Amino acid sequence: MGGLFDERRRSYSFQARALDQPIFEAAQRGDTGQAERLRARQEDLALREQKAVLEAVKRYLEVADPPGRYAVMRAWTRCSSTSPGSSPR
């Protein structure tokens, strides 16, 4: 699942960078309205890219460190830390 979000990130990045030349050309022609619309689209794509990065990282972390992974270990440690005749910590 993390790979899917990484693919999305790359796609958004590619689309945003593809607007660099059209923005430049619109600005050179003096078409400020078109240049601004393209910049706004580029900013939107950059935000989508950032969100995709965060989602990819979340998914990778869920796989690498699933919730409750250490719960069994903690319970076992609490049980084994008290031996007969000793007081619990």
Protein backbone atom coordinates (compact mmCIF):
# COMPACT_ATOMS: atom_id res chain seq x y z
CA MET A 1 0.00 0.00 0.00
CA GLY A 2 2.88 2.36 0.74
CA GLY A 3 4.16 1.75 -2.78
CA LEU A 4 0.87 2.98 -4.22
CA PHE A 5 1.17 6.28 -2.37
CA ASP A 6 4.79 6.57 -3.49
CA GLU A 7 3.66 6.11 -7.10
CA ARG A 8 1.07 8.85 -6.58
CA ARG A 9 3.77 11.11 -5.15
CA ARG A 10 5.94 10.59 -8.23
CA SER A 11 2.99 11.24 -10.51
CA TYR A 12 2.08 14.50 -8.75
CA SER A 13 5.70 15.60 -8.79
CA PHE A 14 6.02 14.85 -12.50
CA GLN A 15 2.80 16.70 -13.31
CA ALA A 16 3.88 19.73 -11.25
CA ARG A 17 7.30 19.88 -12.90
CA ALA A 18 5.69 19.53 -16.35
CA LEU A 19 4.03 22.90 -15.71
CA ASP A 20 7.35 24.75 -15.31
CA GLN A 21 7.77 25.44 -19.04
CA PRO A 22 4.16 26.46 -19.71
CA ILE A 23 4.32 28.84 -16.72
CA PHE A 24 7.54 30.35 -18.03
CA GLU A 25 6.13 30.71 -21.55
CA ALA A 26 2.90 32.32 -20.30
CA ALA A 27 4.92 34.79 -18.24
CA GLN A 28 7.16 35.59 -21.24
CA ARG A 29 4.07 36.29 -23.41
CA GLY A 30 2.71 38.56 -20.71
CA ASP A 31 -0.29 36.28 -20.08
CA THR A 32 -0.23 36.72 -16.31
CA GLY A 33 -3.70 35.23 -15.87
CA GLN A 34 -2.67 31.96 -17.49
CA ALA A 35 0.65 31.94 -15.61
CA GLU A 36 -1.19 32.40 -12.29
CA ARG A 37 -3.68 29.62 -13.08
CA LEU A 38 -0.83 27.29 -13.94
CA ARG A 39 1.06 28.24 -10.77
CA ALA A 40 -2.06 27.56 -8.70
CA ARG A 41 -2.38 24.15 -10.36
CA GLN A 42 1.31 23.50 -9.70
CA GLU A 43 0.91 24.42 -6.01
CA ASP A 44 -2.11 22.11 -5.75
CA LEU A 45 -0.08 19.25 -7.22
CA ALA A 46 2.78 19.99 -4.80
CA LEU A 47 0.36 19.78 -1.85
CA ARG A 48 -1.02 16.51 -3.16
CA GLU A 49 2.53 15.23 -3.47
CA GLN A 50 3.25 16.10 0.17
CA LYS A 51 0.07 14.36 1.31
CA ALA A 52 1.01 11.27 -0.70
CA VAL A 53 4.45 11.26 0.96
CA LEU A 54 2.85 11.35 4.41
CA GLU A 55 0.44 8.55 3.52
CA ALA A 56 3.28 6.45 2.10
CA VAL A 57 5.31 6.89 5.28
CA LYS A 58 2.29 6.02 7.43
CA ARG A 59 1.73 2.82 5.46
CA TYR A 60 5.39 1.84 5.63
CA LEU A 61 5.41 2.41 9.39
CA GLU A 62 2.25 0.33 9.84
CA VAL A 63 4.01 -2.57 8.15
CA ALA A 64 7.34 -2.06 9.91
CA ASP A 65 5.87 -1.44 13.36
CA PRO A 66 2.29 -2.73 13.59
CA PRO A 67 0.17 -1.61 16.55
CA GLY A 68 0.37 -3.99 19.49
CA ARG A 69 3.60 -5.54 18.27
CA TYR A 70 5.24 -5.19 21.63
CA ALA A 71 2.15 -5.69 23.82
CA VAL A 72 2.78 -9.42 24.13
CA MET A 73 6.42 -8.77 24.94
CA ARG A 74 5.51 -6.26 27.66
CA ALA A 75 2.99 -8.64 29.22
CA TRP A 76 5.54 -11.46 29.16
CA THR A 77 8.19 -9.22 30.75
CA ARG A 78 5.82 -8.23 33.57
CA CYS A 79 4.94 -11.85 34.26
CA SER A 80 8.51 -13.12 34.15
CA SER A 81 9.94 -10.29 36.25
CA THR A 82 8.28 -11.65 39.36
CA SER A 83 9.48 -14.99 40.56
CA PRO A 84 7.98 -16.92 43.47
CA GLY A 85 8.95 -15.35 46.74
CA SER A 86 9.98 -12.00 45.28
CA SER A 87 7.95 -8.83 45.29
CA PRO A 88 6.72 -7.33 42.02
CA ARG A 89 8.61 -4.31 40.72
